[in-house]
Amino acid sequence: MTMVAPGHSRTERRLAVKYEERARRTGRWGAWRREERPAGFPGTGWTRDVRSVVANDLYAILIRPIATDWGVVQHLAIRTAANREPPWRDKQRIKNELFGADAVAIEVMPPTGELVDAAGMYHMWVLPAGFRLPFTLADRGGGRG
């Protein structure tokens, strides 16, 4: 997969968008490839704490484990070839394929003062195994869902 940076030509961006749409339509993303990053990435930001990169023909994902009061949460920074937002069904598929269908993941709309929006990446946090949110749209049998 080739990422399209802002300085690329309109033709390169158009080709990346076309490739991305075809991959989404067919569901053929290619196999996941994984690279371990024990030292993270150079720099001063959160990417220093990235420990794995997984990619296929459509998505590249940085994975950063974070120790929290809930246990270890896996922060995923997701990017596509054309720097477009992945649709919800693709995020669900990514979560299922990388962490399992029973895993719970969330996206966050942070307070404005904590907003980071500089790289065309989309973020989700996969919660520790067995974690359940206190709310859902599904009926868990204990009242209104």
N, C-alpha and C. Protein backbone atom coordinates (compact mmCIF):
# COMPACT_ATOMS: atom_id res chain seq x y z
N MET A 1 0.85 -1.16 0.00
CA MET A 1 0.00 0.00 0.00
C MET A 1 0.89 1.23 0.00
N THR A 2 0.56 2.21 -0.80
CA THR A 2 1.29 3.45 -0.85
C THR A 2 0.42 4.55 -0.26
N MET A 3 0.94 5.22 0.76
CA MET A 3 0.20 6.32 1.35
C MET A 3 0.35 7.55 0.47
N VAL A 4 -0.71 8.32 0.37
CA VAL A 4 -0.69 9.53 -0.44
C VAL A 4 -0.53 10.72 0.49
N ALA A 5 0.61 11.34 0.44
CA ALA A 5 0.88 12.51 1.27
C ALA A 5 0.27 13.74 0.62
N PRO A 6 0.07 14.80 1.41
CA PRO A 6 -0.54 16.00 0.86
C PRO A 6 0.15 16.54 -0.38
N GLY A 7 1.44 16.35 -0.53
CA GLY A 7 2.16 16.88 -1.68
C GLY A 7 2.04 16.05 -2.95
N HIS A 8 1.34 14.94 -2.92
CA HIS A 8 1.21 14.11 -4.11
C HIS A 8 0.25 14.75 -5.11
N SER A 9 0.38 14.32 -6.34
CA SER A 9 -0.43 14.91 -7.41
C SER A 9 -1.89 14.48 -7.30
N ARG A 10 -2.73 15.22 -7.98
CA ARG A 10 -4.16 14.90 -8.03
C ARG A 10 -4.37 13.51 -8.64
N THR A 11 -3.57 13.17 -9.64
CA THR A 11 -3.69 11.86 -10.28
C THR A 11 -3.35 10.74 -9.30
N GLU A 12 -2.28 10.91 -8.52
CA GLU A 12 -1.91 9.90 -7.53
C GLU A 12 -3.01 9.74 -6.48
N ARG A 13 -3.57 10.84 -6.04
CA ARG A 13 -4.66 10.78 -5.06
C ARG A 13 -5.87 10.08 -5.65
N ARG A 14 -6.22 10.41 -6.89
CA ARG A 14 -7.36 9.78 -7.55
C ARG A 14 -7.16 8.26 -7.67
N LEU A 15 -5.95 7.86 -8.02
CA LEU A 15 -5.66 6.42 -8.14
C LEU A 15 -5.77 5.73 -6.78
N ALA A 16 -5.29 6.38 -5.73
CA ALA A 16 -5.38 5.81 -4.38
C ALA A 16 -6.84 5.66 -3.96
N VAL A 17 -7.66 6.67 -4.24
CA VAL A 17 -9.08 6.61 -3.90
C VAL A 17 -9.76 5.49 -4.68
N LYS A 18 -9.46 5.36 -5.95
CA LYS A 18 -10.05 4.31 -6.78
C LYS A 18 -9.66 2.92 -6.25
N TYR A 19 -8.38 2.75 -5.91
CA TYR A 19 -7.92 1.47 -5.36
C TYR A 19 -8.64 1.16 -4.06
N GLU A 20 -8.74 2.17 -3.20
CA GLU A 20 -9.37 2.00 -1.90
C GLU A 20 -10.86 1.61 -2.07
N GLU A 21 -11.55 2.27 -2.95
CA GLU A 21 -12.97 1.95 -3.17
C GLU A 21 -13.16 0.53 -3.68
N ARG A 22 -12.27 0.09 -4.57
CA ARG A 22 -12.36 -1.28 -5.09
C ARG A 22 -12.11 -2.29 -3.97
N ALA A 23 -11.10 -2.04 -3.13
CA ALA A 23 -10.80 -2.96 -2.03
C ALA A 23 -11.96 -3.03 -1.05
N ARG A 24 -12.58 -1.89 -0.77
CA ARG A 24 -13.74 -1.90 0.13
C ARG A 24 -14.92 -2.63 -0.48
N ARG A 25 -15.17 -2.38 -1.75
CA ARG A 25 -16.31 -3.00 -2.43
C ARG A 25 -16.18 -4.52 -2.48
N THR A 26 -14.97 -5.00 -2.77
CA THR A 26 -14.76 -6.44 -2.91
C THR A 26 -14.48 -7.12 -1.57
N GLY A 27 -14.07 -6.34 -0.56
CA GLY A 27 -13.70 -6.92 0.73
C GLY A 27 -12.33 -7.57 0.71
N ARG A 28 -11.60 -7.42 -0.39
CA ARG A 28 -10.26 -8.02 -0.50
C ARG A 28 -9.21 -6.99 -0.11
N TRP A 29 -8.72 -7.15 1.11
CA TRP A 29 -7.73 -6.22 1.64
C TRP A 29 -6.32 -6.80 1.62
N GLY A 30 -6.20 -8.09 1.32
CA GLY A 30 -4.90 -8.74 1.42
C GLY A 30 -4.64 -9.20 2.85
N ALA A 31 -3.60 -9.96 3.02
CA ALA A 31 -3.26 -10.50 4.34
C ALA A 31 -2.64 -9.42 5.22
N TRP A 32 -2.87 -9.56 6.52
CA TRP A 32 -2.23 -8.65 7.48
C TRP A 32 -0.76 -9.02 7.60
N ARG A 33 0.09 -8.01 7.58
CA ARG A 33 1.52 -8.17 7.82
C ARG A 33 1.83 -7.40 9.11
N ARG A 34 2.69 -7.95 9.93
CA ARG A 34 2.97 -7.34 11.23
C ARG A 34 4.47 -7.07 11.37
N GLU A 35 4.79 -5.92 11.90
CA GLU A 35 6.17 -5.56 12.21
C GLU A 35 6.21 -5.10 13.66
N GLU A 36 7.07 -5.71 14.44
CA GLU A 36 7.22 -5.31 15.83
C GLU A 36 8.15 -4.10 15.91
N ARG A 37 7.84 -3.18 16.80
CA ARG A 37 8.62 -1.96 17.00
C ARG A 37 8.97 -1.82 18.48
N PRO A 38 9.88 -2.65 19.00
CA PRO A 38 10.16 -2.62 20.44
C PRO A 38 10.60 -1.26 20.95
N ALA A 39 11.20 -0.43 20.11
CA ALA A 39 11.65 0.89 20.53
C ALA A 39 10.72 2.00 20.05
N GLY A 40 9.58 1.65 19.46
CA GLY A 40 8.67 2.66 18.96
C GLY A 40 9.25 3.40 17.77
N PHE A 41 8.81 4.63 17.59
CA PHE A 41 9.32 5.50 16.53
C PHE A 41 10.07 6.66 17.17
N PRO A 42 11.05 7.21 16.48
CA PRO A 42 11.79 8.35 17.04
C PRO A 42 10.85 9.56 17.20
N GLY A 43 11.21 10.44 18.09
CA GLY A 43 10.43 11.65 18.28
C GLY A 43 10.00 11.82 19.71
N THR A 44 9.10 12.77 19.93
CA THR A 44 8.70 13.10 21.29
C THR A 44 7.22 12.82 21.56
N GLY A 45 6.46 12.44 20.59
CA GLY A 45 5.02 12.23 20.78
C GLY A 45 4.67 10.80 21.15
N TRP A 46 3.38 10.50 21.05
CA TRP A 46 2.86 9.19 21.44
C TRP A 46 3.41 8.07 20.57
N THR A 47 3.91 8.38 19.37
CA THR A 47 4.42 7.31 18.50
C THR A 47 5.66 6.63 19.07
N ARG A 48 6.30 7.25 20.06
CA ARG A 48 7.44 6.58 20.74
C ARG A 48 6.98 5.29 21.40
N ASP A 49 5.69 5.24 21.77
CA ASP A 49 5.16 4.09 22.51
C ASP A 49 4.50 3.04 21.61
N VAL A 50 4.52 3.25 20.30
CA VAL A 50 3.98 2.25 19.37
C VAL A 50 4.86 1.01 19.44
N ARG A 51 4.24 -0.15 19.54
CA ARG A 51 5.01 -1.38 19.64
C ARG A 51 4.81 -2.33 18.47
N SER A 52 3.76 -2.08 17.67
CA SER A 52 3.51 -2.92 16.49
C SER A 52 2.91 -2.08 15.38
N VAL A 53 3.20 -2.49 14.15
CA VAL A 53 2.56 -1.93 12.98
C VAL A 53 1.99 -3.11 12.21
N VAL A 54 0.70 -3.04 11.89
CA VAL A 54 0.09 -4.06 11.05
C VAL A 54 -0.44 -3.37 9.81
N ALA A 55 -0.35 -4.05 8.68
CA ALA A 55 -0.79 -3.45 7.43
C ALA A 55 -1.25 -4.54 6.49
N ASN A 56 -2.14 -4.16 5.61
CA ASN A 56 -2.52 -5.00 4.48
C ASN A 56 -2.54 -4.10 3.27
N ASP A 57 -3.22 -4.48 2.22
CA ASP A 57 -3.21 -3.68 1.00
C ASP A 57 -4.05 -2.41 1.10
N LEU A 58 -4.84 -2.26 2.16
CA LEU A 58 -5.72 -1.11 2.30
C LEU A 58 -5.40 -0.26 3.52
N TYR A 59 -5.08 -0.90 4.64
CA TYR A 59 -4.90 -0.18 5.90
C TYR A 59 -3.50 -0.36 6.47
N ALA A 60 -3.03 0.68 7.15
CA ALA A 60 -1.82 0.61 7.98
C ALA A 60 -2.24 1.06 9.37
N ILE A 61 -1.87 0.29 10.39
CA ILE A 61 -2.32 0.55 11.75
C ILE A 61 -1.14 0.51 12.71
N LEU A 62 -1.00 1.59 13.46
CA LEU A 62 -0.02 1.65 14.53
C LEU A 62 -0.72 1.18 15.80
N ILE A 63 -0.07 0.31 16.57
CA ILE A 63 -0.68 -0.20 17.81
C ILE A 63 0.21 0.19 18.98
N ARG A 64 -0.42 0.88 19.94
CA ARG A 64 0.29 1.38 21.12
C ARG A 64 -0.42 0.87 22.37
N PRO A 65 0.20 -0.03 23.14
CA PRO A 65 -0.41 -0.46 24.39
C PRO A 65 -0.30 0.64 25.45
N ILE A 66 -1.37 0.82 26.21
CA ILE A 66 -1.39 1.85 27.26
C ILE A 66 -1.86 1.20 28.55
N ALA A 67 -1.07 1.32 29.60
CA ALA A 67 -1.47 0.82 30.92
C ALA A 67 -2.46 1.82 31.52
N THR A 68 -3.65 1.32 31.89
CA THR A 68 -4.69 2.18 32.47
C THR A 68 -5.23 1.52 33.73
N ASP A 69 -6.12 2.22 34.42
CA ASP A 69 -6.79 1.65 35.59
C ASP A 69 -7.66 0.46 35.20
N TRP A 70 -8.05 0.37 33.94
CA TRP A 70 -8.89 -0.73 33.45
C TRP A 70 -8.06 -1.94 33.02
N GLY A 71 -6.76 -1.78 32.92
CA GLY A 71 -5.87 -2.80 32.37
C GLY A 71 -5.20 -2.22 31.14
N VAL A 72 -4.56 -3.07 30.35
CA VAL A 72 -3.85 -2.59 29.15
C VAL A 72 -4.86 -2.38 28.03
N VAL A 73 -4.90 -1.15 27.54
CA VAL A 73 -5.75 -0.77 26.42
C VAL A 73 -4.86 -0.63 25.20
N GLN A 74 -5.32 -1.13 24.05
CA GLN A 74 -4.55 -1.04 22.81
C GLN A 74 -5.07 0.13 21.99
N HIS A 75 -4.22 1.14 21.81
CA HIS A 75 -4.57 2.30 21.00
C HIS A 75 -4.21 1.98 19.55
N LEU A 76 -5.19 2.07 18.66
CA LEU A 76 -4.97 1.84 17.23
C LEU A 76 -5.07 3.16 16.49
N ALA A 77 -4.06 3.50 15.72
CA ALA A 77 -4.09 4.67 14.84
C ALA A 77 -4.17 4.11 13.42
N ILE A 78 -5.28 4.35 12.76
CA ILE A 78 -5.60 3.71 11.48
C ILE A 78 -5.47 4.72 10.35
N ARG A 79 -4.85 4.28 9.28
CA ARG A 79 -4.67 5.13 8.11
C ARG A 79 -4.95 4.33 6.84
N THR A 80 -5.54 4.99 5.85
CA THR A 80 -5.78 4.33 4.56
C THR A 80 -4.84 4.89 3.51
N ALA A 81 -4.79 4.23 2.38
CA ALA A 81 -3.92 4.66 1.29
C ALA A 81 -4.22 6.08 0.84
N ALA A 82 -5.50 6.45 0.83
CA ALA A 82 -5.90 7.77 0.34
C ALA A 82 -6.19 8.76 1.48
N ASN A 83 -5.83 8.39 2.71
CA ASN A 83 -6.06 9.25 3.88
C ASN A 83 -7.53 9.60 4.07
N ARG A 84 -8.41 8.64 3.81
CA ARG A 84 -9.84 8.85 4.00
C ARG A 84 -10.29 8.11 5.24
N GLU A 85 -11.38 8.57 5.84
CA GLU A 85 -11.88 7.92 7.05
C GLU A 85 -12.44 6.55 6.72
N PRO A 86 -12.01 5.53 7.46
CA PRO A 86 -12.56 4.19 7.23
C PRO A 86 -14.03 4.16 7.64
N PRO A 87 -14.88 3.49 6.87
CA PRO A 87 -16.27 3.36 7.30
C PRO A 87 -16.36 2.48 8.55
N TRP A 88 -17.46 2.62 9.28
CA TRP A 88 -17.65 1.89 10.53
C TRP A 88 -17.45 0.38 10.33
N ARG A 89 -18.01 -0.19 9.29
CA ARG A 89 -17.90 -1.65 9.10
C ARG A 89 -16.45 -2.09 8.94
N ASP A 90 -15.60 -1.24 8.36
CA ASP A 90 -14.18 -1.58 8.24
C ASP A 90 -13.50 -1.52 9.60
N LYS A 91 -13.86 -0.53 10.42
CA LYS A 91 -13.28 -0.45 11.76
C LYS A 91 -13.67 -1.68 12.58
N GLN A 92 -14.92 -2.10 12.44
CA GLN A 92 -15.39 -3.30 13.14
C GLN A 92 -14.61 -4.52 12.66
N ARG A 93 -14.41 -4.63 11.36
CA ARG A 93 -13.65 -5.76 10.80
C ARG A 93 -12.20 -5.74 11.30
N ILE A 94 -11.59 -4.56 11.33
CA ILE A 94 -10.21 -4.44 11.83
C ILE A 94 -10.14 -4.94 13.27
N LYS A 95 -11.06 -4.46 14.11
CA LYS A 95 -11.09 -4.89 15.51
C LYS A 95 -11.25 -6.40 15.61
N ASN A 96 -12.20 -6.95 14.86
CA ASN A 96 -12.46 -8.40 14.91
C ASN A 96 -11.25 -9.21 14.43
N GLU A 97 -10.65 -8.80 13.33
CA GLU A 97 -9.54 -9.58 12.77
C GLU A 97 -8.27 -9.48 13.62
N LEU A 98 -8.04 -8.34 14.24
CA LEU A 98 -6.80 -8.17 15.01
C LEU A 98 -6.94 -8.52 16.48
N PHE A 99 -8.17 -8.37 17.05
CA PHE A 99 -8.33 -8.58 18.49
C PHE A 99 -9.45 -9.53 18.86
N GLY A 100 -10.24 -9.96 17.89
CA GLY A 100 -11.31 -10.92 18.15
C GLY A 100 -12.69 -10.29 18.18
N ALA A 101 -13.68 -11.09 17.80
CA ALA A 101 -15.06 -10.61 17.71
C ALA A 101 -15.64 -10.23 19.07
N ASP A 102 -15.12 -10.77 20.16
CA ASP A 102 -15.64 -10.45 21.49
C ASP A 102 -14.99 -9.22 22.11
N ALA A 103 -13.98 -8.67 21.48
CA ALA A 103 -13.31 -7.49 22.02
C ALA A 103 -14.22 -6.26 21.90
N VAL A 104 -14.08 -5.36 22.86
CA VAL A 104 -14.81 -4.09 22.85
C VAL A 104 -13.82 -2.99 22.50
N ALA A 105 -14.18 -2.15 21.53
CA ALA A 105 -13.34 -1.01 21.16
C ALA A 105 -14.20 0.25 21.16
N ILE A 106 -13.56 1.37 21.41
CA ILE A 106 -14.27 2.64 21.42
C ILE A 106 -13.51 3.68 20.60
N GLU A 107 -14.25 4.66 20.10
CA GLU A 107 -13.68 5.87 19.52
C GLU A 107 -14.02 6.99 20.49
N VAL A 108 -13.20 8.02 20.52
CA VAL A 108 -13.37 9.08 21.50
C VAL A 108 -13.48 10.44 20.81
N MET A 109 -14.40 11.25 21.27
CA MET A 109 -14.49 12.65 20.86
C MET A 109 -13.97 13.43 22.06
N PRO A 110 -12.69 13.83 22.03
CA PRO A 110 -12.07 14.43 23.22
C PRO A 110 -12.51 15.87 23.45
N PRO A 111 -12.22 16.36 24.65
CA PRO A 111 -12.41 17.80 24.87
C PRO A 111 -11.54 18.56 23.88
N THR A 112 -11.97 19.73 23.47
CA THR A 112 -11.24 20.51 22.47
C THR A 112 -9.78 20.70 22.85
N GLY A 113 -9.49 20.89 24.12
CA GLY A 113 -8.12 21.11 24.57
C GLY A 113 -7.22 19.91 24.41
N GLU A 114 -7.79 18.71 24.20
CA GLU A 114 -7.00 17.49 24.02
C GLU A 114 -7.03 16.99 22.58
N LEU A 115 -7.65 17.75 21.69
CA LEU A 115 -7.79 17.33 20.30
C LEU A 115 -6.44 17.30 19.59
N VAL A 116 -6.17 16.19 18.91
CA VAL A 116 -4.99 16.05 18.06
C VAL A 116 -5.51 15.63 16.70
N ASP A 117 -5.29 16.47 15.69
CA ASP A 117 -5.85 16.21 14.36
C ASP A 117 -4.87 16.69 13.30
N ALA A 118 -3.72 16.01 13.24
CA ALA A 118 -2.66 16.50 12.37
C ALA A 118 -2.22 15.53 11.29
N ALA A 119 -2.63 14.26 11.36
CA ALA A 119 -2.03 13.27 10.46
C ALA A 119 -3.03 12.49 9.62
N GLY A 120 -4.30 12.83 9.62
CA GLY A 120 -5.27 12.07 8.82
C GLY A 120 -5.38 10.63 9.29
N MET A 121 -5.26 10.43 10.61
CA MET A 121 -5.38 9.10 11.19
C MET A 121 -6.68 9.03 11.97
N TYR A 122 -7.18 7.82 12.12
CA TYR A 122 -8.41 7.58 12.86
C TYR A 122 -8.08 6.63 13.99
N HIS A 123 -8.61 6.92 15.16
CA HIS A 123 -8.18 6.23 16.36
C HIS A 123 -9.29 5.41 17.00
N MET A 124 -8.92 4.27 17.52
CA MET A 124 -9.82 3.48 18.35
C MET A 124 -8.98 2.87 19.46
N TRP A 125 -9.66 2.58 20.56
CA TRP A 125 -9.00 1.98 21.71
C TRP A 125 -9.68 0.65 21.98
N VAL A 126 -8.91 -0.44 21.93
CA VAL A 126 -9.43 -1.78 22.21
C VAL A 126 -9.23 -2.03 23.70
N LEU A 127 -10.33 -2.30 24.37
CA LEU A 127 -10.30 -2.45 25.82
C LEU A 127 -9.82 -3.85 26.21
N PRO A 128 -9.39 -4.05 27.45
CA PRO A 128 -8.87 -5.35 27.88
C PRO A 128 -9.89 -6.48 27.66
N ALA A 129 -9.39 -7.68 27.45
CA ALA A 129 -10.24 -8.86 27.23
C ALA A 129 -11.27 -8.97 28.35
N GLY A 130 -12.51 -9.24 27.98
CA GLY A 130 -13.59 -9.42 28.93
C GLY A 130 -14.24 -8.12 29.39
N PHE A 131 -13.69 -6.98 29.01
CA PHE A 131 -14.24 -5.69 29.43
C PHE A 131 -15.60 -5.48 28.77
N ARG A 132 -16.54 -4.96 29.55
CA ARG A 132 -17.87 -4.63 29.02
C ARG A 132 -18.21 -3.21 29.41
N LEU A 133 -18.69 -2.46 28.46
CA LEU A 133 -19.14 -1.10 28.76
C LEU A 133 -20.45 -1.17 29.55
N PRO A 134 -20.72 -0.17 30.37
CA PRO A 134 -21.96 -0.17 31.15
C PRO A 134 -23.17 0.23 30.32
N PHE A 135 -22.99 0.42 29.01
CA PHE A 135 -24.10 0.78 28.13
C PHE A 135 -23.91 0.07 26.79
N THR A 136 -25.00 -0.12 26.06
CA THR A 136 -24.96 -0.78 24.76
C THR A 136 -26.28 -0.51 24.05
N LEU A 137 -26.33 -0.76 22.77
CA LEU A 137 -27.60 -0.71 22.04
C LEU A 137 -28.31 -2.05 22.09
N ALA A 138 -27.56 -3.10 22.42
CA ALA A 138 -28.13 -4.45 22.48
C ALA A 138 -28.89 -4.64 23.79
N ASP A 139 -29.91 -5.48 23.77
CA ASP A 139 -30.65 -5.82 24.98
C ASP A 139 -29.90 -6.95 25.68
N ARG A 140 -29.38 -6.68 26.85
CA ARG A 140 -28.66 -7.68 27.62
C ARG A 140 -29.58 -8.46 28.55
N GLY A 141 -30.87 -8.25 28.40
CA GLY A 141 -31.83 -9.02 29.19
C GLY A 141 -32.09 -8.46 30.58
N GLY A 142 -31.48 -7.34 30.91
CA GLY A 142 -31.66 -6.80 32.25
C GLY A 142 -32.46 -5.51 32.24
N GLY A 143 -33.22 -5.30 31.23
CA GLY A 143 -33.99 -4.05 31.16
C GLY A 143 -33.77 -3.40 29.82
N ARG A 144 -34.02 -2.12 29.80
CA ARG A 144 -33.88 -1.40 28.53
C ARG A 144 -32.42 -1.23 28.18
N GLY A 145 -32.06 -1.47 26.88
CA GLY A 145 -30.68 -1.40 26.44
C GLY A 145 -30.35 -0.11 25.89
